[in-house]
Amino acid sequence: MKISADQMKSHYDTQGFLTEISVLDKEELEKAKRAFEKMEEECGKEYTQYNLHNIHLEHEWVMNLAAHPRVLEPMIAILGPNVILLDSRFICKYPSSEVPHTDNMVPYVAWHQDIKYWGFEGGPVASIWLALDEVNTENGVLQVIPGSHKQGILEHRIAVIPGNMLTANQEIPRHLVEAEKAVECPLKAGQMSIHDGLTVHASDPNMSNRRRCGFVIRYVPTTAYPVQDPERPRTFPATVLVAGTDEFQHFADHVPSFFTKMF
C-alpha cells in the first residue's frame, strides 16, 4: 500500500526513519548491479567495499541513482522542496570467502549518529541506504533505535572493538544506547531505507556467504550549513542541487555536465 507524502513525513518525524521503500524496478536494478560489478572487477573487492566515494560526479549511472524520482520524492516530502545531494558512497560487506578479514577483524558499523560526523545546523541530514543486494539479519542488516533522533547529539568516542567501518572510527558508548529498542530494516534488492542524521543506528558483521552492498546517499535542505570545527575541518567537494532552488548558497553546486535536474 502506497502512503502519502504527509504520512511519510509524519512517520519519519516521529520514528526517525522509513524503510522498505521500493525504488528500482527489475531492469534498473540489474543495470546498476552490472555496472557495480564491473567496478569490482576493475578495482578489486577490497577497494570497493568502502572506497567508491562521491563517484556520482564521474559516472552518470551513479548520479541517476542519487537523483532517481523514487528516491527524491520521499526526500522532498521529508526535507522540503529544495534539496542538496551532500555525499555518496557505496558500502559493501563481503563474506570472508571473498574479502578475507584483516588481522581477524570482522567489519561492522558501530552505534553512531551521522550528524556527529557531518556537523550541520540550519536543517537536518537524511541518509539513504539503497540496496543493491537483499539485506537481512544474516548479512548485516541496518538496525535503528526508533525515536532516538529526539535525544539530540550523544557522546561519541573512539570505537573499542576493532573492525569499525566508520571513517572517524567513532561510536556511542553502550550505556547511552537503548539497544533493547533496536529494530532491523531488512530490504529487498532495489528497496531503500531513510534515517535522520540524529537517529542512532548500527549494523553487525556479515556472517553469511552473500554480499551485502548498498549505495549510501546523504541529503540536506538548502537551509542547512556546516558548523566550523578547527579540530575537524570539513570540505564538501561533491554537493549537487537535485531539487528546487538554492537561495542560501551555503554549498557550491558541483553539478556534472551529464546531469539535468528534474525537480
C-alpha atoms as a PDB file:
ATOM      1  CA  MET A   1       0.000   0.000   0.000  1.00  0.00           C
ATOM      2  CA  LYS A   2       1.396   3.373  -1.045  1.00  0.00           C
ATOM      3  CA  ILE A   3       1.417   6.028   1.666  1.00  0.00           C
ATOM      4  CA  SER A   4       1.045   9.745   1.065  1.00  0.00           C
ATOM      5  CA  ALA A   5       3.836  12.301   1.408  1.00  0.00           C
ATOM      6  CA  ASP A   6       2.179  13.628   4.580  1.00  0.00           C
ATOM      7  CA  GLN A   7       2.003  10.140   6.112  1.00  0.00           C
ATOM      8  CA  MET A   8       5.625   9.538   5.158  1.00  0.00           C
ATOM      9  CA  LYS A   9       6.784  12.758   6.802  1.00  0.00           C
ATOM     10  CA  SER A  10       4.680  12.125   9.917  1.00  0.00           C
ATOM     11  CA  HIS A  11       6.176   8.664  10.436  1.00  0.00           C
ATOM     12  CA  TYR A  12       9.693   9.934   9.752  1.00  0.00           C
ATOM     13  CA  ASP A  13       9.320  12.855  12.162  1.00  0.00           C
ATOM     14  CA  THR A  14       8.019  10.516  14.885  1.00  0.00           C
ATOM     15  CA  GLN A  15      10.291   7.496  14.414  1.00  0.00           C
ATOM     16  CA  GLY A  16      13.378   8.986  12.748  1.00  0.00           C
ATOM     17  CA  PHE A  17      13.416   6.531   9.846  1.00  0.00           C
ATOM     18  CA  LEU A  18      11.482   4.953   6.969  1.00  0.00           C
ATOM     19  CA  THR A  19      12.127   1.588   5.362  1.00  0.00           C
ATOM     20  CA  GLU A  20      11.078  -0.829   2.595  1.00  0.00           C
ATOM     21  CA  ILE A  21      10.556   1.940   0.037  1.00  0.00           C
ATOM     22  CA  SER A  22      10.617   0.488  -3.479  1.00  0.00           C
ATOM     23  CA  VAL A  23      12.915   2.389  -5.848  1.00  0.00           C
ATOM     24  CA  LEU A  24      14.448   0.314  -8.649  1.00  0.00           C
ATOM     25  CA  ASP A  25      12.467  -1.923 -10.963  1.00  0.00           C
ATOM     26  CA  LYS A  26      13.969  -5.202 -12.149  1.00  0.00           C
ATOM     27  CA  GLU A  27      15.633  -3.719 -15.237  1.00  0.00           C
ATOM     28  CA  GLU A  28      17.078  -0.738 -13.335  1.00  0.00           C
ATOM     29  CA  LEU A  29      18.389  -2.987 -10.590  1.00  0.00           C
ATOM     30  CA  GLU A  30      20.117  -5.366 -12.990  1.00  0.00           C
ATOM     31  CA  LYS A  31      21.704  -2.433 -14.834  1.00  0.00           C
ATOM     32  CA  ALA A  32      23.041  -0.950 -11.579  1.00  0.00           C
ATOM     33  CA  LYS A  33      24.366  -4.305 -10.363  1.00  0.00           C
ATOM     34  CA  ARG A  34      26.157  -4.946 -13.654  1.00  0.00           C
ATOM     35  CA  ALA A  35      27.778  -1.509 -13.519  1.00  0.00           C
ATOM     36  CA  PHE A  36      28.877  -2.030  -9.923  1.00  0.00           C
ATOM     37  CA  GLU A  37      30.225  -5.496 -10.616  1.00  0.00           C
ATOM     38  CA  LYS A  38      32.292  -4.035 -13.456  1.00  0.00           C
ATOM     39  CA  MET A  39      33.858  -1.720 -10.865  1.00  0.00           C
ATOM     40  CA  GLU A  40      34.522  -4.713  -8.621  1.00  0.00           C
ATOM     41  CA  GLU A  41      36.424  -6.340 -11.478  1.00  0.00           C
ATOM     42  CA  GLU A  42      38.389  -3.180 -12.272  1.00  0.00           C
ATOM     43  CA  CYS A  43      39.183  -2.035  -8.706  1.00  0.00           C
ATOM     44  CA  GLY A  44      39.064  -5.240  -6.673  1.00  0.00           C
ATOM     45  CA  LYS A  45      36.629  -6.061  -3.898  1.00  0.00           C
ATOM     46  CA  GLU A  46      38.947  -4.963  -1.123  1.00  0.00           C
ATOM     47  CA  TYR A  47      38.785  -1.463  -2.618  1.00  0.00           C
ATOM     48  CA  THR A  48      35.088  -1.397  -3.498  1.00  0.00           C
ATOM     49  CA  GLN A  49      33.945  -2.362  -0.007  1.00  0.00           C
ATOM     50  CA  TYR A  50      34.316   1.270   1.163  1.00  0.00           C
ATOM     51  CA  ASN A  51      36.328   3.437  -1.248  1.00  0.00           C
ATOM     52  CA  LEU A  52      33.861   4.278  -4.022  1.00  0.00           C
ATOM     53  CA  HIS A  53      33.200   7.745  -2.612  1.00  0.00           C
ATOM     54  CA  ASN A  54      31.335  10.554  -4.409  1.00  0.00           C
ATOM     55  CA  ILE A  55      31.627   8.864  -7.776  1.00  0.00           C
ATOM     56  CA  HIS A  56      28.248  10.354  -8.728  1.00  0.00           C
ATOM     57  CA  LEU A  57      30.331  13.217 -10.152  1.00  0.00           C
ATOM     58  CA  GLU A  58      32.097  10.831 -12.541  1.00  0.00           C
ATOM     59  CA  HIS A  59      29.525   8.207 -13.514  1.00  0.00           C
ATOM     60  CA  GLU A  60      26.137   9.044 -14.955  1.00  0.00           C
ATOM     61  CA  TRP A  61      24.562   5.781 -13.782  1.00  0.00           C
ATOM     62  CA  VAL A  62      25.511   6.610 -10.188  1.00  0.00           C
ATOM     63  CA  MET A  63      24.138  10.154 -10.430  1.00  0.00           C
ATOM     64  CA  ASN A  64      20.937   8.705 -11.861  1.00  0.00           C
ATOM     65  CA  LEU A  65      20.564   6.545  -8.753  1.00  0.00           C
ATOM     66  CA  ALA A  66      21.105   9.532  -6.452  1.00  0.00           C
ATOM     67  CA  ALA A  67      18.540  11.604  -8.356  1.00  0.00           C
ATOM     68  CA  HIS A  68      16.060   8.802  -9.097  1.00  0.00           C
ATOM     69  CA  PRO A  69      12.476  10.119  -8.866  1.00  0.00           C
ATOM     70  CA  ARG A  70      11.522   7.404  -6.359  1.00  0.00           C
ATOM     71  CA  VAL A  71      14.481   8.493  -4.215  1.00  0.00           C
ATOM     72  CA  LEU A  72      13.804  12.225  -4.419  1.00  0.00           C
ATOM     73  CA  GLU A  73      10.029  12.113  -3.950  1.00  0.00           C
ATOM     74  CA  PRO A  74      10.217  10.883  -0.324  1.00  0.00           C
ATOM     75  CA  MET A  75      13.288  13.045   0.264  1.00  0.00           C
ATOM     76  CA  ILE A  76      11.336  16.140  -0.787  1.00  0.00           C
ATOM     77  CA  ALA A  77       8.444  15.041   1.440  1.00  0.00           C
ATOM     78  CA  ILE A  78      10.867  14.889   4.385  1.00  0.00           C
ATOM     79  CA  LEU A  79      13.233  17.808   3.744  1.00  0.00           C
ATOM     80  CA  GLY A  80      11.099  20.143   1.665  1.00  0.00           C
ATOM     81  CA  PRO A  81      11.296  21.168  -1.997  1.00  0.00           C
ATOM     82  CA  ASN A  82      14.886  22.454  -2.044  1.00  0.00           C
ATOM     83  CA  VAL A  83      17.338  19.580  -1.618  1.00  0.00           C
ATOM     84  CA  ILE A  84      21.110  19.209  -1.969  1.00  0.00           C
ATOM     85  CA  LEU A  85      22.874  15.893  -2.535  1.00  0.00           C
ATOM     86  CA  LEU A  86      25.639  16.142   0.037  1.00  0.00           C
ATOM     87  CA  ASP A  87      27.700  12.986  -0.337  1.00  0.00           C
ATOM     88  CA  SER A  88      27.547   9.410  -1.600  1.00  0.00           C
ATOM     89  CA  ARG A  89      29.400   6.170  -1.005  1.00  0.00           C
ATOM     90  CA  PHE A  90      28.995   2.503  -1.892  1.00  0.00           C
ATOM     91  CA  ILE A  91      29.397   0.290   1.152  1.00  0.00           C
ATOM     92  CA  CYS A  92      29.828  -3.456   0.758  1.00  0.00           C
ATOM     93  CA  LYS A  93      30.231  -6.089   3.409  1.00  0.00           C
ATOM     94  CA  TYR A  94      31.616  -9.103   1.610  1.00  0.00           C
ATOM     95  CA  PRO A  95      31.680 -12.617   3.017  1.00  0.00           C
ATOM     96  CA  SER A  96      35.117 -13.567   4.313  1.00  0.00           C
ATOM     97  CA  SER A  97      35.462 -16.087   1.479  1.00  0.00           C
ATOM     98  CA  GLU A  98      35.582 -13.133  -0.982  1.00  0.00           C
ATOM     99  CA  VAL A  99      37.426 -10.485   1.082  1.00  0.00           C
ATOM    100  CA  PRO A 100      39.424 -12.101   3.907  1.00  0.00           C
ATOM    101  CA  HIS A 101      39.239 -10.261   7.204  1.00  0.00           C
ATOM    102  CA  THR A 102      42.445  -8.367   8.006  1.00  0.00           C
ATOM    103  CA  ASP A 103      44.037  -9.471  11.281  1.00  0.00           C
ATOM    104  CA  ASN A 104      40.834 -11.402  12.022  1.00  0.00           C
ATOM    105  CA  MET A 105      38.912  -8.115  12.275  1.00  0.00           C
ATOM    106  CA  VAL A 106      35.312  -8.567  11.130  1.00  0.00           C
ATOM    107  CA  PRO A 107      33.901  -5.384   9.526  1.00  0.00           C
ATOM    108  CA  TYR A 108      30.907  -3.865  11.310  1.00  0.00           C
ATOM    109  CA  VAL A 109      29.408  -0.410  11.879  1.00  0.00           C
ATOM    110  CA  ALA A 110      29.234   0.785  15.485  1.00  0.00           C
ATOM    111  CA  TRP A 111      26.290   2.618  17.065  1.00  0.00           C
ATOM    112  CA  HIS A 112      26.505   6.242  15.950  1.00  0.00           C
ATOM    113  CA  GLN A 113      24.690   9.313  14.667  1.00  0.00           C
ATOM    114  CA  ASP A 114      25.567  10.652  11.217  1.00  0.00           C
ATOM    115  CA  ILE A 115      25.204  14.292  12.293  1.00  0.00           C
ATOM    116  CA  LYS A 116      28.174  13.891  14.663  1.00  0.00           C
ATOM    117  CA  TYR A 117      30.385  13.259  11.662  1.00  0.00           C
ATOM    118  CA  TRP A 118      28.886  15.888   9.355  1.00  0.00           C
ATOM    119  CA  GLY A 119      28.265  18.730  11.813  1.00  0.00           C
ATOM    120  CA  PHE A 120      25.328  20.755  10.485  1.00  0.00           C
ATOM    121  CA  GLU A 121      22.924  23.363  11.721  1.00  0.00           C
ATOM    122  CA  GLY A 122      20.022  25.063   9.983  1.00  0.00           C
ATOM    123  CA  GLY A 123      18.476  21.809   8.803  1.00  0.00           C
ATOM    124  CA  PRO A 124      18.655  18.027   9.109  1.00  0.00           C
ATOM    125  CA  VAL A 125      20.773  15.456   7.292  1.00  0.00           C
ATOM    126  CA  ALA A 126      18.908  12.473   5.830  1.00  0.00           C
ATOM    127  CA  SER A 127      20.735   9.289   4.822  1.00  0.00           C
ATOM    128  CA  ILE A 128      19.548   6.662   2.364  1.00  0.00           C
ATOM    129  CA  TRP A 129      20.605   3.040   2.047  1.00  0.00           C
ATOM    130  CA  LEU A 130      19.663   1.896  -1.456  1.00  0.00           C
ATOM    131  CA  ALA A 131      20.094  -1.869  -1.508  1.00  0.00           C
ATOM    132  CA  LEU A 132      21.789  -3.484  -4.499  1.00  0.00           C
ATOM    133  CA  ASP A 133      21.576  -6.791  -2.621  1.00  0.00           C
ATOM    134  CA  GLU A 134      18.927  -8.232  -0.350  1.00  0.00           C
ATOM    135  CA  VAL A 135      19.828  -7.424   3.236  1.00  0.00           C
ATOM    136  CA  ASN A 136      18.692  -9.256   6.357  1.00  0.00           C
ATOM    137  CA  THR A 137      19.964 -10.349   9.766  1.00  0.00           C
ATOM    138  CA  GLU A 138      22.456 -12.825   8.293  1.00  0.00           C
ATOM    139  CA  ASN A 139      24.405 -10.348   6.179  1.00  0.00           C
ATOM    140  CA  GLY A 140      24.464  -7.340   8.476  1.00  0.00           C
ATOM    141  CA  VAL A 141      21.140  -5.508   8.283  1.00  0.00           C
ATOM    142  CA  LEU A 142      20.799  -1.865   9.368  1.00  0.00           C
ATOM    143  CA  GLN A 143      19.499  -1.502  12.933  1.00  0.00           C
ATOM    144  CA  VAL A 144      17.936   1.722  14.215  1.00  0.00           C
ATOM    145  CA  ILE A 145      16.634   2.954  17.572  1.00  0.00           C
ATOM    146  CA  PRO A 146      13.175   4.408  16.854  1.00  0.00           C
ATOM    147  CA  GLY A 147      12.692   7.907  18.219  1.00  0.00           C
ATOM    148  CA  SER A 148      16.369   8.313  19.144  1.00  0.00           C
ATOM    149  CA  HIS A 149      16.636  11.377  16.880  1.00  0.00           C
ATOM    150  CA  LYS A 150      14.773  13.311  19.573  1.00  0.00           C
ATOM    151  CA  GLN A 151      17.621  12.896  22.084  1.00  0.00           C
ATOM    152  CA  GLY A 152      19.955  15.369  20.436  1.00  0.00           C
ATOM    153  CA  ILE A 153      23.619  14.672  19.749  1.00  0.00           C
ATOM    154  CA  LEU A 154      25.009  11.986  22.052  1.00  0.00           C
ATOM    155  CA  GLU A 155      28.565  11.473  23.238  1.00  0.00           C
ATOM    156  CA  HIS A 156      30.821   9.672  20.773  1.00  0.00           C
ATOM    157  CA  ARG A 157      34.239   8.150  21.401  1.00  0.00           C
ATOM    158  CA  ILE A 158      36.815   6.055  19.545  1.00  0.00           C
ATOM    159  CA  ALA A 159      35.373   2.570  18.990  1.00  0.00           C
ATOM    160  CA  VAL A 160      36.528  -0.103  21.422  1.00  0.00           C
ATOM    161  CA  ILE A 161      36.121  -3.148  19.152  1.00  0.00           C
ATOM    162  CA  PRO A 162      38.425  -3.302  16.077  1.00  0.00           C
ATOM    163  CA  GLY A 163      36.800  -3.506  12.635  1.00  0.00           C
ATOM    164  CA  ASN A 164      34.530  -0.437  12.750  1.00  0.00           C
ATOM    165  CA  MET A 165      33.990   0.708   9.139  1.00  0.00           C
ATOM    166  CA  LEU A 166      33.221   4.335  10.038  1.00  0.00           C
ATOM    167  CA  THR A 167      35.776   6.783   8.669  1.00  0.00           C
ATOM    168  CA  ALA A 168      36.198   8.511  12.042  1.00  0.00           C
ATOM    169  CA  ASN A 169      36.101   5.155  13.919  1.00  0.00           C
ATOM    170  CA  GLN A 170      33.520   6.653  16.271  1.00  0.00           C
ATOM    171  CA  GLU A 171      30.874   5.016  18.434  1.00  0.00           C
ATOM    172  CA  ILE A 172      28.314   5.943  21.061  1.00  0.00           C
ATOM    173  CA  PRO A 173      29.188   4.310  24.417  1.00  0.00           C
ATOM    174  CA  ARG A 174      26.958   1.306  25.006  1.00  0.00           C
ATOM    175  CA  HIS A 175      25.426   2.682  28.215  1.00  0.00           C
ATOM    176  CA  LEU A 176      23.889   5.503  26.121  1.00  0.00           C
ATOM    177  CA  VAL A 177      22.369   3.162  23.518  1.00  0.00           C
ATOM    178  CA  GLU A 178      18.932   1.687  24.201  1.00  0.00           C
ATOM    179  CA  ALA A 179      19.865  -1.404  22.204  1.00  0.00           C
ATOM    180  CA  GLU A 180      16.856  -3.335  23.518  1.00  0.00           C
ATOM    181  CA  LYS A 181      14.641  -0.993  21.467  1.00  0.00           C
ATOM    182  CA  ALA A 182      16.526  -1.600  18.202  1.00  0.00           C
ATOM    183  CA  VAL A 183      14.579  -2.630  15.118  1.00  0.00           C
ATOM    184  CA  GLU A 184      16.003  -4.133  11.953  1.00  0.00           C
ATOM    185  CA  CYS A 185      15.415  -2.671   8.484  1.00  0.00           C
ATOM    186  CA  PRO A 186      15.579  -5.646   6.106  1.00  0.00           C
ATOM    187  CA  LEU A 187      15.380  -4.720   2.433  1.00  0.00           C
ATOM    188  CA  LYS A 188      14.864  -6.468  -0.855  1.00  0.00           C
ATOM    189  CA  ALA A 189      17.313  -5.526  -3.593  1.00  0.00           C
ATOM    190  CA  GLY A 190      16.052  -2.296  -5.175  1.00  0.00           C
ATOM    191  CA  GLN A 191      14.434  -1.008  -1.968  1.00  0.00           C
ATOM    192  CA  MET A 192      15.744   1.740   0.299  1.00  0.00           C
ATOM    193  CA  SER A 193      15.605   2.934   3.881  1.00  0.00           C
ATOM    194  CA  ILE A 194      15.977   6.525   5.093  1.00  0.00           C
ATOM    195  CA  HIS A 195      17.119   7.681   8.508  1.00  0.00           C
ATOM    196  CA  ASP A 196      17.625  11.053  10.160  1.00  0.00           C
ATOM    197  CA  GLY A 197      21.121  12.317  10.944  1.00  0.00           C
ATOM    198  CA  LEU A 198      20.337  12.121  14.670  1.00  0.00           C
ATOM    199  CA  THR A 199      18.901   8.592  14.574  1.00  0.00           C
ATOM    200  CA  VAL A 200      21.116   6.138  16.448  1.00  0.00           C
ATOM    201  CA  HIS A 201      21.956   3.219  14.166  1.00  0.00           C
ATOM    202  CA  ALA A 202      24.469   0.432  13.535  1.00  0.00           C
ATOM    203  CA  SER A 203      24.972  -2.809  11.633  1.00  0.00           C
ATOM    204  CA  ASP A 204      26.541  -6.128  12.604  1.00  0.00           C
ATOM    205  CA  PRO A 205      29.123  -8.089  10.574  1.00  0.00           C
ATOM    206  CA  ASN A 206      28.134 -10.044   7.506  1.00  0.00           C
ATOM    207  CA  MET A 207      28.251 -13.637   8.720  1.00  0.00           C
ATOM    208  CA  SER A 208      26.611 -15.084   5.606  1.00  0.00           C
ATOM    209  CA  ASN A 209      28.072 -16.287   2.315  1.00  0.00           C
ATOM    210  CA  ARG A 210      26.317 -13.438   0.433  1.00  0.00           C
ATOM    211  CA  ARG A 211      27.453  -9.922  -0.440  1.00  0.00           C
ATOM    212  CA  ARG A 212      25.670  -7.037   1.278  1.00  0.00           C
ATOM    213  CA  CYS A 213      26.096  -3.997  -0.963  1.00  0.00           C
ATOM    214  CA  GLY A 214      24.268  -0.692  -0.759  1.00  0.00           C
ATOM    215  CA  PHE A 215      24.516   2.858  -2.057  1.00  0.00           C
ATOM    216  CA  VAL A 216      24.558   5.364   0.805  1.00  0.00           C
ATOM    217  CA  ILE A 217      23.374   8.834  -0.202  1.00  0.00           C
ATOM    218  CA  ARG A 218      23.047  11.855   2.082  1.00  0.00           C
ATOM    219  CA  TYR A 219      20.875  14.897   1.504  1.00  0.00           C
ATOM    220  CA  VAL A 220      20.291  18.230   3.238  1.00  0.00           C
ATOM    221  CA  PRO A 221      17.806  21.047   2.689  1.00  0.00           C
ATOM    222  CA  THR A 222      19.337  24.217   1.266  1.00  0.00           C
ATOM    223  CA  THR A 223      18.833  25.913   4.661  1.00  0.00           C
ATOM    224  CA  ALA A 224      21.492  23.667   6.251  1.00  0.00           C
ATOM    225  CA  TYR A 225      25.037  24.897   6.735  1.00  0.00           C
ATOM    226  CA  PRO A 226      28.199  23.239   8.099  1.00  0.00           C
ATOM    227  CA  VAL A 227      29.460  24.039  11.585  1.00  0.00           C
ATOM    228  CA  GLN A 228      33.063  25.234  11.614  1.00  0.00           C
ATOM    229  CA  ASP A 229      35.224  22.974  13.772  1.00  0.00           C
ATOM    230  CA  PRO A 230      39.005  23.627  13.844  1.00  0.00           C
ATOM    231  CA  GLU A 231      39.571  20.113  15.211  1.00  0.00           C
ATOM    232  CA  ARG A 232      37.704  18.561  12.275  1.00  0.00           C
ATOM    233  CA  PRO A 233      37.843  20.738   9.141  1.00  0.00           C
ATOM    234  CA  ARG A 234      35.155  19.673   6.699  1.00  0.00           C
ATOM    235  CA  THR A 235      35.017  20.051   2.941  1.00  0.00           C
ATOM    236  CA  PHE A 236      32.116  19.245   0.640  1.00  0.00           C
ATOM    237  CA  PRO A 237      33.541  18.702  -2.840  1.00  0.00           C
ATOM    238  CA  ALA A 238      30.623  16.753  -4.330  1.00  0.00           C
ATOM    239  CA  THR A 239      27.455  18.716  -3.463  1.00  0.00           C
ATOM    240  CA  VAL A 240      24.784  18.914  -6.171  1.00  0.00           C
ATOM    241  CA  LEU A 241      21.425  20.712  -6.097  1.00  0.00           C
ATOM    242  CA  VAL A 242      18.997  17.923  -7.054  1.00  0.00           C
ATOM    243  CA  ALA A 243      15.630  19.573  -6.324  1.00  0.00           C
ATOM    244  CA  GLY A 244      14.257  23.108  -6.224  1.00  0.00           C
ATOM    245  CA  THR A 245      16.367  26.242  -5.896  1.00  0.00           C
ATOM    246  CA  ASP A 246      19.152  27.339  -3.574  1.00  0.00           C
ATOM    247  CA  GLU A 247      18.776  30.901  -2.313  1.00  0.00           C
ATOM    248  CA  PHE A 248      21.238  30.377   0.559  1.00  0.00           C
ATOM    249  CA  GLN A 249      24.337  29.222  -1.352  1.00  0.00           C
ATOM    250  CA  HIS A 250      25.917  27.511   1.667  1.00  0.00           C
ATOM    251  CA  PHE A 251      27.365  24.900  -0.688  1.00  0.00           C
ATOM    252  CA  ALA A 252      28.838  25.069  -4.167  1.00  0.00           C
ATOM    253  CA  ASP A 253      26.886  23.273  -6.874  1.00  0.00           C
ATOM    254  CA  HIS A 254      29.273  20.729  -8.423  1.00  0.00           C
ATOM    255  CA  VAL A 255      26.676  19.592 -10.932  1.00  0.00           C
ATOM    256  CA  PRO A 256      28.186  17.197 -13.504  1.00  0.00           C
ATOM    257  CA  SER A 257      27.707  18.077 -17.152  1.00  0.00           C
ATOM    258  CA  PHE A 258      25.635  14.953 -17.812  1.00  0.00           C
ATOM    259  CA  PHE A 259      23.007  15.716 -15.142  1.00  0.00           C
ATOM    260  CA  THR A 260      19.745  17.571 -15.719  1.00  0.00           C
ATOM    261  CA  LYS A 261      17.669  18.414 -12.662  1.00  0.00           C
ATOM    262  CA  MET A 262      14.119  17.018 -12.862  1.00  0.00           C
ATOM    263  CA  PHE A 263      12.559  18.510  -9.724  1.00  0.00           C
END
